[in-house]
Amino acid sequence: MKNKDLVPFTKAEEKLIEKVIEKRIQAEKKFPIVITLAATFGFVSVLYGFEKMIDSVDLFVNHPSILLGIGLITLGITGSLYKKLN
């Protein structure tokens, strides 16, 4: 399906989306610390899991400079792609 073929939301779908957004905003206002801690836990879990995956590759464990180089190249590529998108 191409973007040109998008079907607009029905009134019922729009009401449902508005209610979900309202509930999410209410939850964020009532429990800001819980939301922040949950987001932080998720982010840290992803980083820790990624670290463990990298630790299982002997090449990166024995030669961390290769990992640093790959990281810098990745940052350079994503940075140039970001500039092109803007």
PDB file of N, CA and C in Angstrom:
ATOM      1  N   MET A   1       0.843  -1.175   0.000  1.00  0.00           N
ATOM      2  CA  MET A   1       0.000   0.000   0.000  1.00  0.00           C
ATOM      3  C   MET A   1       0.883   1.232   0.000  1.00  0.00           C
ATOM      4  N   LYS A   2       0.692   2.109  -0.921  1.00  0.00           N
ATOM      5  CA  LYS A   2       1.470   3.341  -0.998  1.00  0.00           C
ATOM      6  C   LYS A   2       0.833   4.410  -0.116  1.00  0.00           C
ATOM      7  N   ASN A   3       1.597   5.427   0.203  1.00  0.00           N
ATOM      8  CA  ASN A   3       1.091   6.509   1.048  1.00  0.00           C
ATOM      9  C   ASN A   3      -0.121   7.195   0.446  1.00  0.00           C
ATOM     10  N   LYS A   4      -0.229   7.210  -0.870  1.00  0.00           N
ATOM     11  CA  LYS A   4      -1.350   7.863  -1.523  1.00  0.00           C
ATOM     12  C   LYS A   4      -2.656   7.110  -1.271  1.00  0.00           C
ATOM     13  N   ASP A   5      -2.557   5.826  -0.947  1.00  0.00           N
ATOM     14  CA  ASP A   5      -3.736   4.985  -0.792  1.00  0.00           C
ATOM     15  C   ASP A   5      -4.222   4.890   0.650  1.00  0.00           C
ATOM     16  N   LEU A   6      -3.752   5.764   1.535  1.00  0.00           N
ATOM     17  CA  LEU A   6      -4.157   5.693   2.936  1.00  0.00           C
ATOM     18  C   LEU A   6      -5.640   6.008   3.086  1.00  0.00           C
ATOM     19  N   VAL A   7      -6.288   5.219   3.920  1.00  0.00           N
ATOM     20  CA  VAL A   7      -7.706   5.418   4.194  1.00  0.00           C
ATOM     21  C   VAL A   7      -7.817   6.261   5.461  1.00  0.00           C
ATOM     22  N   PRO A   8      -8.612   7.324   5.462  1.00  0.00           N
ATOM     23  CA  PRO A   8      -8.717   8.162   6.673  1.00  0.00           C
ATOM     24  C   PRO A   8      -9.401   7.394   7.813  1.00  0.00           C
ATOM     25  N   PHE A   9      -9.089   7.842   9.042  1.00  0.00           N
ATOM     26  CA  PHE A   9      -9.699   7.225  10.213  1.00  0.00           C
ATOM     27  C   PHE A   9     -11.204   7.488  10.240  1.00  0.00           C
ATOM     28  N   THR A  10     -11.923   6.531  10.800  1.00  0.00           N
ATOM     29  CA  THR A  10     -13.348   6.751  11.021  1.00  0.00           C
ATOM     30  C   THR A  10     -13.499   7.567  12.301  1.00  0.00           C
ATOM     31  N   LYS A  11     -14.696   8.061  12.551  1.00  0.00           N
ATOM     32  CA  LYS A  11     -14.945   8.848  13.774  1.00  0.00           C
ATOM     33  C   LYS A  11     -14.690   8.014  15.023  1.00  0.00           C
ATOM     34  N   ALA A  12     -15.080   6.738  14.981  1.00  0.00           N
ATOM     35  CA  ALA A  12     -14.881   5.860  16.138  1.00  0.00           C
ATOM     36  C   ALA A  12     -13.387   5.661  16.410  1.00  0.00           C
ATOM     37  N   GLU A  13     -12.608   5.496  15.351  1.00  0.00           N
ATOM     38  CA  GLU A  13     -11.168   5.328  15.523  1.00  0.00           C
ATOM     39  C   GLU A  13     -10.534   6.595  16.073  1.00  0.00           C
ATOM     40  N   GLU A  14     -10.976   7.742  15.599  1.00  0.00           N
ATOM     41  CA  GLU A  14     -10.444   9.008  16.104  1.00  0.00           C
ATOM     42  C   GLU A  14     -10.760   9.185  17.582  1.00  0.00           C
ATOM     43  N   LYS A  15     -11.991   8.815  17.997  1.00  0.00           N
ATOM     44  CA  LYS A  15     -12.363   8.910  19.412  1.00  0.00           C
ATOM     45  C   LYS A  15     -11.493   7.988  20.259  1.00  0.00           C
ATOM     46  N   LEU A  16     -11.272   6.771  19.764  1.00  0.00           N
ATOM     47  CA  LEU A  16     -10.454   5.809  20.492  1.00  0.00           C
ATOM     48  C   LEU A  16      -9.029   6.325  20.647  1.00  0.00           C
ATOM     49  N   ILE A  17      -8.475   6.868  19.596  1.00  0.00           N
ATOM     50  CA  ILE A  17      -7.111   7.402  19.647  1.00  0.00           C
ATOM     51  C   ILE A  17      -7.037   8.564  20.632  1.00  0.00           C
ATOM     52  N   GLU A  18      -8.023   9.437  20.614  1.00  0.00           N
ATOM     53  CA  GLU A  18      -8.038  10.569  21.550  1.00  0.00           C
ATOM     54  C   GLU A  18      -8.103  10.090  22.993  1.00  0.00           C
ATOM     55  N   LYS A  19      -8.913   9.065  23.259  1.00  0.00           N
ATOM     56  CA  LYS A  19      -9.024   8.543  24.632  1.00  0.00           C
ATOM     57  C   LYS A  19      -7.721   7.898  25.080  1.00  0.00           C
ATOM     58  N   VAL A  20      -7.074   7.171  24.187  1.00  0.00           N
ATOM     59  CA  VAL A  20      -5.797   6.543  24.530  1.00  0.00           C
ATOM     60  C   VAL A  20      -4.753   7.607  24.832  1.00  0.00           C
ATOM     61  N   ILE A  21      -4.726   8.657  24.040  1.00  0.00           N
ATOM     62  CA  ILE A  21      -3.773   9.746  24.265  1.00  0.00           C
ATOM     63  C   ILE A  21      -4.050  10.424  25.601  1.00  0.00           C
ATOM     64  N   GLU A  22      -5.327  10.654  25.904  1.00  0.00           N
ATOM     65  CA  GLU A  22      -5.686  11.275  27.177  1.00  0.00           C
ATOM     66  C   GLU A  22      -5.235  10.406  28.349  1.00  0.00           C
ATOM     67  N   LYS A  23      -5.471   9.101  28.268  1.00  0.00           N
ATOM     68  CA  LYS A  23      -5.086   8.187  29.353  1.00  0.00           C
ATOM     69  C   LYS A  23      -3.571   8.160  29.518  1.00  0.00           C
ATOM     70  N   ARG A  24      -2.852   8.182  28.403  1.00  0.00           N
ATOM     71  CA  ARG A  24      -1.387   8.170  28.467  1.00  0.00           C
ATOM     72  C   ARG A  24      -0.882   9.439  29.139  1.00  0.00           C
ATOM     73  N   ILE A  25      -1.458  10.575  28.784  1.00  0.00           N
ATOM     74  CA  ILE A  25      -1.050  11.852  29.385  1.00  0.00           C
ATOM     75  C   ILE A  25      -1.369  11.866  30.874  1.00  0.00           C
ATOM     76  N   GLN A  26      -2.547  11.334  31.244  1.00  0.00           N
ATOM     77  CA  GLN A  26      -2.910  11.260  32.659  1.00  0.00           C
ATOM     78  C   GLN A  26      -1.932  10.380  33.426  1.00  0.00           C
ATOM     79  N   ALA A  27      -1.566   9.247  32.847  1.00  0.00           N
ATOM     80  CA  ALA A  27      -0.625   8.346  33.511  1.00  0.00           C
ATOM     81  C   ALA A  27       0.736   9.007  33.673  1.00  0.00           C
ATOM     82  N   GLU A  28       1.164   9.737  32.653  1.00  0.00           N
ATOM     83  CA  GLU A  28       2.451  10.436  32.746  1.00  0.00           C
ATOM     84  C   GLU A  28       2.426  11.501  33.835  1.00  0.00           C
ATOM     85  N   LYS A  29       1.279  12.176  33.990  1.00  0.00           N
ATOM     86  CA  LYS A  29       1.173  13.215  35.019  1.00  0.00           C
ATOM     87  C   LYS A  29       1.083  12.609  36.414  1.00  0.00           C
ATOM     88  N   LYS A  30       0.361  11.487  36.551  1.00  0.00           N
ATOM     89  CA  LYS A  30       0.188  10.869  37.870  1.00  0.00           C
ATOM     90  C   LYS A  30       1.440  10.140  38.336  1.00  0.00           C
ATOM     91  N   PHE A  31       2.143   9.505  37.400  1.00  0.00           N
ATOM     92  CA  PHE A  31       3.274   8.652  37.767  1.00  0.00           C
ATOM     93  C   PHE A  31       4.531   8.998  36.968  1.00  0.00           C
ATOM     94  N   PRO A  32       5.033  10.227  37.089  1.00  0.00           N
ATOM     95  CA  PRO A  32       6.205  10.586  36.271  1.00  0.00           C
ATOM     96  C   PRO A  32       7.455   9.781  36.623  1.00  0.00           C
ATOM     97  N   ILE A  33       7.629   9.464  37.895  1.00  0.00           N
ATOM     98  CA  ILE A  33       8.821   8.715  38.306  1.00  0.00           C
ATOM     99  C   ILE A  33       8.762   7.287  37.778  1.00  0.00           C
ATOM    100  N   VAL A  34       7.589   6.664  37.846  1.00  0.00           N
ATOM    101  CA  VAL A  34       7.443   5.296  37.355  1.00  0.00           C
ATOM    102  C   VAL A  34       7.709   5.233  35.858  1.00  0.00           C
ATOM    103  N   ILE A  35       7.155   6.185  35.116  1.00  0.00           N
ATOM    104  CA  ILE A  35       7.363   6.221  33.667  1.00  0.00           C
ATOM    105  C   ILE A  35       8.842   6.431  33.364  1.00  0.00           C
ATOM    106  N   THR A  36       9.482   7.348  34.074  1.00  0.00           N
ATOM    107  CA  THR A  36      10.901   7.624  33.857  1.00  0.00           C
ATOM    108  C   THR A  36      11.757   6.407  34.197  1.00  0.00           C
ATOM    109  N   LEU A  37      11.457   5.759  35.310  1.00  0.00           N
ATOM    110  CA  LEU A  37      12.219   4.569  35.695  1.00  0.00           C
ATOM    111  C   LEU A  37      12.022   3.424  34.704  1.00  0.00           C
ATOM    112  N   ALA A  38      10.803   3.256  34.214  1.00  0.00           N
ATOM    113  CA  ALA A  38      10.543   2.191  33.236  1.00  0.00           C
ATOM    114  C   ALA A  38      11.305   2.456  31.934  1.00  0.00           C
ATOM    115  N   ALA A  39      11.302   3.688  31.490  1.00  0.00           N
ATOM    116  CA  ALA A  39      12.032   4.036  30.272  1.00  0.00           C
ATOM    117  C   ALA A  39      13.537   3.857  30.474  1.00  0.00           C
ATOM    118  N   THR A  40      14.034   4.277  31.628  1.00  0.00           N
ATOM    119  CA  THR A  40      15.455   4.120  31.932  1.00  0.00           C
ATOM    120  C   THR A  40      15.838   2.651  31.994  1.00  0.00           C
ATOM    121  N   PHE A  41      14.996   1.850  32.641  1.00  0.00           N
ATOM    122  CA  PHE A  41      15.267   0.416  32.729  1.00  0.00           C
ATOM    123  C   PHE A  41      15.309  -0.216  31.337  1.00  0.00           C
ATOM    124  N   GLY A  42      14.382   0.155  30.479  1.00  0.00           N
ATOM    125  CA  GLY A  42      14.369  -0.381  29.126  1.00  0.00           C
ATOM    126  C   GLY A  42      15.620  -0.007  28.359  1.00  0.00           C
ATOM    127  N   PHE A  43      16.033   1.253  28.464  1.00  0.00           N
ATOM    128  CA  PHE A  43      17.222   1.730  27.763  1.00  0.00           C
ATOM    129  C   PHE A  43      18.477   1.017  28.268  1.00  0.00           C
ATOM    130  N   VAL A  44      18.616   0.918  29.585  1.00  0.00           N
ATOM    131  CA  VAL A  44      19.781   0.256  30.171  1.00  0.00           C
ATOM    132  C   VAL A  44      19.798  -1.224  29.809  1.00  0.00           C
ATOM    133  N   SER A  45      18.635  -1.857  29.786  1.00  0.00           N
ATOM    134  CA  SER A  45      18.556  -3.273  29.424  1.00  0.00           C
ATOM    135  C   SER A  45      19.034  -3.505  28.001  1.00  0.00           C
ATOM    136  N   VAL A  46      18.639  -2.628  27.102  1.00  0.00           N
ATOM    137  CA  VAL A  46      19.087  -2.754  25.707  1.00  0.00           C
ATOM    138  C   VAL A  46      20.601  -2.585  25.628  1.00  0.00           C
ATOM    139  N   LEU A  47      21.140  -1.573  26.302  1.00  0.00           N
ATOM    140  CA  LEU A  47      22.588  -1.357  26.277  1.00  0.00           C
ATOM    141  C   LEU A  47      23.340  -2.543  26.877  1.00  0.00           C
ATOM    142  N   TYR A  48      22.846  -3.072  27.990  1.00  0.00           N
ATOM    143  CA  TYR A  48      23.502  -4.198  28.643  1.00  0.00           C
ATOM    144  C   TYR A  48      23.447  -5.448  27.759  1.00  0.00           C
ATOM    145  N   GLY A  49      22.308  -5.684  27.153  1.00  0.00           N
ATOM    146  CA  GLY A  49      22.189  -6.826  26.242  1.00  0.00           C
ATOM    147  C   GLY A  49      23.117  -6.689  25.056  1.00  0.00           C
ATOM    148  N   PHE A  50      23.209  -5.477  24.511  1.00  0.00           N
ATOM    149  CA  PHE A  50      24.117  -5.233  23.389  1.00  0.00           C
ATOM    150  C   PHE A  50      25.570  -5.447  23.819  1.00  0.00           C
ATOM    151  N   GLU A  51      25.903  -5.007  25.030  1.00  0.00           N
ATOM    152  CA  GLU A  51      27.252  -5.203  25.545  1.00  0.00           C
ATOM    153  C   GLU A  51      27.578  -6.694  25.671  1.00  0.00           C
ATOM    154  N   LYS A  52      26.637  -7.473  26.183  1.00  0.00           N
ATOM    155  CA  LYS A  52      26.849  -8.912  26.327  1.00  0.00           C
ATOM    156  C   LYS A  52      27.009  -9.586  24.966  1.00  0.00           C
ATOM    157  N   MET A  53      26.253  -9.121  23.965  1.00  0.00           N
ATOM    158  CA  MET A  53      26.403  -9.683  22.623  1.00  0.00           C
ATOM    159  C   MET A  53      27.796  -9.384  22.079  1.00  0.00           C
ATOM    160  N   ILE A  54      28.271  -8.158  22.287  1.00  0.00           N
ATOM    161  CA  ILE A  54      29.599  -7.780  21.811  1.00  0.00           C
ATOM    162  C   ILE A  54      30.668  -8.587  22.543  1.00  0.00           C
ATOM    163  N   ASP A  55      30.479  -8.819  23.843  1.00  0.00           N
ATOM    164  CA  ASP A  55      31.451  -9.590  24.623  1.00  0.00           C
ATOM    165  C   ASP A  55      31.564 -11.036  24.150  1.00  0.00           C
ATOM    166  N   SER A  56      30.547 -11.516  23.457  1.00  0.00           N
ATOM    167  CA  SER A  56      30.604 -12.909  22.990  1.00  0.00           C
ATOM    168  C   SER A  56      31.380 -13.045  21.676  1.00  0.00           C
ATOM    169  N   VAL A  57      31.753 -11.924  21.059  1.00  0.00           N
ATOM    170  CA  VAL A  57      32.541 -11.952  19.822  1.00  0.00           C
ATOM    171  C   VAL A  57      34.014 -11.795  20.209  1.00  0.00           C
ATOM    172  N   ASP A  58      34.779 -12.862  20.026  1.00  0.00           N
ATOM    173  CA  ASP A  58      36.180 -12.852  20.459  1.00  0.00           C
ATOM    174  C   ASP A  58      37.006 -11.768  19.770  1.00  0.00           C
ATOM    175  N   LEU A  59      36.710 -11.479  18.518  1.00  0.00           N
ATOM    176  CA  LEU A  59      37.464 -10.459  17.792  1.00  0.00           C
ATOM    177  C   LEU A  59      37.368  -9.104  18.493  1.00  0.00           C
ATOM    178  N   PHE A  60      36.171  -8.750  18.956  1.00  0.00           N
ATOM    179  CA  PHE A  60      35.987  -7.463  19.633  1.00  0.00           C
ATOM    180  C   PHE A  60      36.579  -7.476  21.034  1.00  0.00           C
ATOM    181  N   VAL A  61      36.551  -8.621  21.697  1.00  0.00           N
ATOM    182  CA  VAL A  61      37.118  -8.716  23.044  1.00  0.00           C
ATOM    183  C   VAL A  61      38.632  -8.579  22.978  1.00  0.00           C
ATOM    184  N   ASN A  62      39.245  -9.229  21.994  1.00  0.00           N
ATOM    185  CA  ASN A  62      40.708  -9.209  21.884  1.00  0.00           C
ATOM    186  C   ASN A  62      41.233  -7.935  21.236  1.00  0.00           C
ATOM    187  N   HIS A  63      40.424  -7.274  20.420  1.00  0.00           N
ATOM    188  CA  HIS A  63      40.856  -6.067  19.707  1.00  0.00           C
ATOM    189  C   HIS A  63      39.779  -4.983  19.820  1.00  0.00           C
ATOM    190  N   PRO A  64      39.696  -4.311  20.969  1.00  0.00           N
ATOM    191  CA  PRO A  64      38.656  -3.297  21.143  1.00  0.00           C
ATOM    192  C   PRO A  64      38.800  -2.112  20.195  1.00  0.00           C
ATOM    193  N   SER A  65      39.991  -1.913  19.635  1.00  0.00           N
ATOM    194  CA  SER A  65      40.174  -0.809  18.684  1.00  0.00           C
ATOM    195  C   SER A  65      39.343  -1.042  17.423  1.00  0.00           C
ATOM    196  N   ILE A  66      39.140  -2.295  17.046  1.00  0.00           N
ATOM    197  CA  ILE A  66      38.284  -2.593  15.895  1.00  0.00           C
ATOM    198  C   ILE A  66      36.851  -2.168  16.196  1.00  0.00           C
ATOM    199  N   LEU A  67      36.400  -2.469  17.397  1.00  0.00           N
ATOM    200  CA  LEU A  67      35.052  -2.079  17.800  1.00  0.00           C
ATOM    201  C   LEU A  67      34.914  -0.556  17.836  1.00  0.00           C
ATOM    202  N   LEU A  68      35.939   0.118  18.338  1.00  0.00           N
ATOM    203  CA  LEU A  68      35.926   1.581  18.356  1.00  0.00           C
ATOM    204  C   LEU A  68      35.862   2.135  16.939  1.00  0.00           C
ATOM    205  N   GLY A  69      36.643   1.572  16.040  1.00  0.00           N
ATOM    206  CA  GLY A  69      36.633   2.017  14.650  1.00  0.00           C
ATOM    207  C   GLY A  69      35.281   1.809  13.989  1.00  0.00           C
ATOM    208  N   ILE A  70      34.694   0.649  14.206  1.00  0.00           N
ATOM    209  CA  ILE A  70      33.366   0.371  13.639  1.00  0.00           C
ATOM    210  C   ILE A  70      32.340   1.346  14.197  1.00  0.00           C
ATOM    211  N   GLY A  71      32.442   1.642  15.492  1.00  0.00           N
ATOM    212  CA  GLY A  71      31.520   2.591  16.107  1.00  0.00           C
ATOM    213  C   GLY A  71      31.654   3.985  15.533  1.00  0.00           C
ATOM    214  N   LEU A  72      32.891   4.431  15.337  1.00  0.00           N
ATOM    215  CA  LEU A  72      33.114   5.768  14.771  1.00  0.00           C
ATOM    216  C   LEU A  72      32.636   5.845  13.319  1.00  0.00           C
ATOM    217  N   ILE A  73      32.886   4.797  12.559  1.00  0.00           N
ATOM    218  CA  ILE A  73      32.402   4.768  11.171  1.00  0.00           C
ATOM    219  C   ILE A  73      30.877   4.805  11.141  1.00  0.00           C
ATOM    220  N   THR A  74      30.247   4.038  12.016  1.00  0.00           N
ATOM    221  CA  THR A  74      28.777   4.017  12.084  1.00  0.00           C
ATOM    222  C   THR A  74      28.233   5.396  12.434  1.00  0.00           C
ATOM    223  N   LEU A  75      28.859   6.054  13.415  1.00  0.00           N
ATOM    224  CA  LEU A  75      28.426   7.406  13.774  1.00  0.00           C
ATOM    225  C   LEU A  75      28.601   8.374  12.613  1.00  0.00           C
ATOM    226  N   GLY A  76      29.709   8.259  11.891  1.00  0.00           N
ATOM    227  CA  GLY A  76      29.937   9.124  10.741  1.00  0.00           C
ATOM    228  C   GLY A  76      28.903   8.918   9.652  1.00  0.00           C
ATOM    229  N   ILE A  77      28.590   7.658   9.367  1.00  0.00           N
ATOM    230  CA  ILE A  77      27.595   7.349   8.328  1.00  0.00           C
ATOM    231  C   ILE A  77      26.213   7.858   8.731  1.00  0.00           C
ATOM    232  N   THR A  78      25.805   7.582   9.970  1.00  0.00           N
ATOM    233  CA  THR A  78      24.477   8.029  10.400  1.00  0.00           C
ATOM    234  C   THR A  78      24.398   9.546  10.472  1.00  0.00           C
ATOM    235  N   GLY A  79      25.498  10.192  10.851  1.00  0.00           N
ATOM    236  CA  GLY A  79      25.519  11.658  10.894  1.00  0.00           C
ATOM    237  C   GLY A  79      25.372  12.259   9.504  1.00  0.00           C
ATOM    238  N   SER A  80      26.070  11.682   8.528  1.00  0.00           N
ATOM    239  CA  SER A  80      25.947  12.211   7.167  1.00  0.00           C
ATOM    240  C   SER A  80      24.567  11.931   6.588  1.00  0.00           C
ATOM    241  N   LEU A  81      23.979  10.786   6.916  1.00  0.00           N
ATOM    242  CA  LEU A  81      22.613  10.506   6.464  1.00  0.00           C
ATOM    243  C   LEU A  81      21.624  11.478   7.082  1.00  0.00           C
ATOM    244  N   TYR A  82      21.841  11.814   8.352  1.00  0.00           N
ATOM    245  CA  TYR A  82      20.953  12.762   9.034  1.00  0.00           C
ATOM    246  C   TYR A  82      21.041  14.135   8.384  1.00  0.00           C
ATOM    247  N   LYS A  83      22.247  14.547   8.021  1.00  0.00           N
ATOM    248  CA  LYS A  83      22.405  15.853   7.347  1.00  0.00           C
ATOM    249  C   LYS A  83      21.692  15.865   6.008  1.00  0.00           C
ATOM    250  N   LYS A  84      21.749  14.744   5.286  1.00  0.00           N
ATOM    251  CA  LYS A  84      21.097  14.680   3.979  1.00  0.00           C
ATOM    252  C   LYS A  84      19.577  14.717   4.119  1.00  0.00           C
ATOM    253  N   LEU A  85      19.045  14.154   5.203  1.00  0.00           N
ATOM    254  CA  LEU A  85      17.593  14.162   5.404  1.00  0.00           C
ATOM    255  C   LEU A  85      17.083  15.549   5.746  1.00  0.00           C
ATOM    256  N   ASN A  86      17.914  16.356   6.388  1.00  0.00           N
ATOM    257  CA  ASN A  86      17.495  17.725   6.727  1.00  0.00           C
ATOM    258  C   ASN A  86      17.785  18.582   5.547  1.00  0.00           C
TER     259      ASN A  86
END
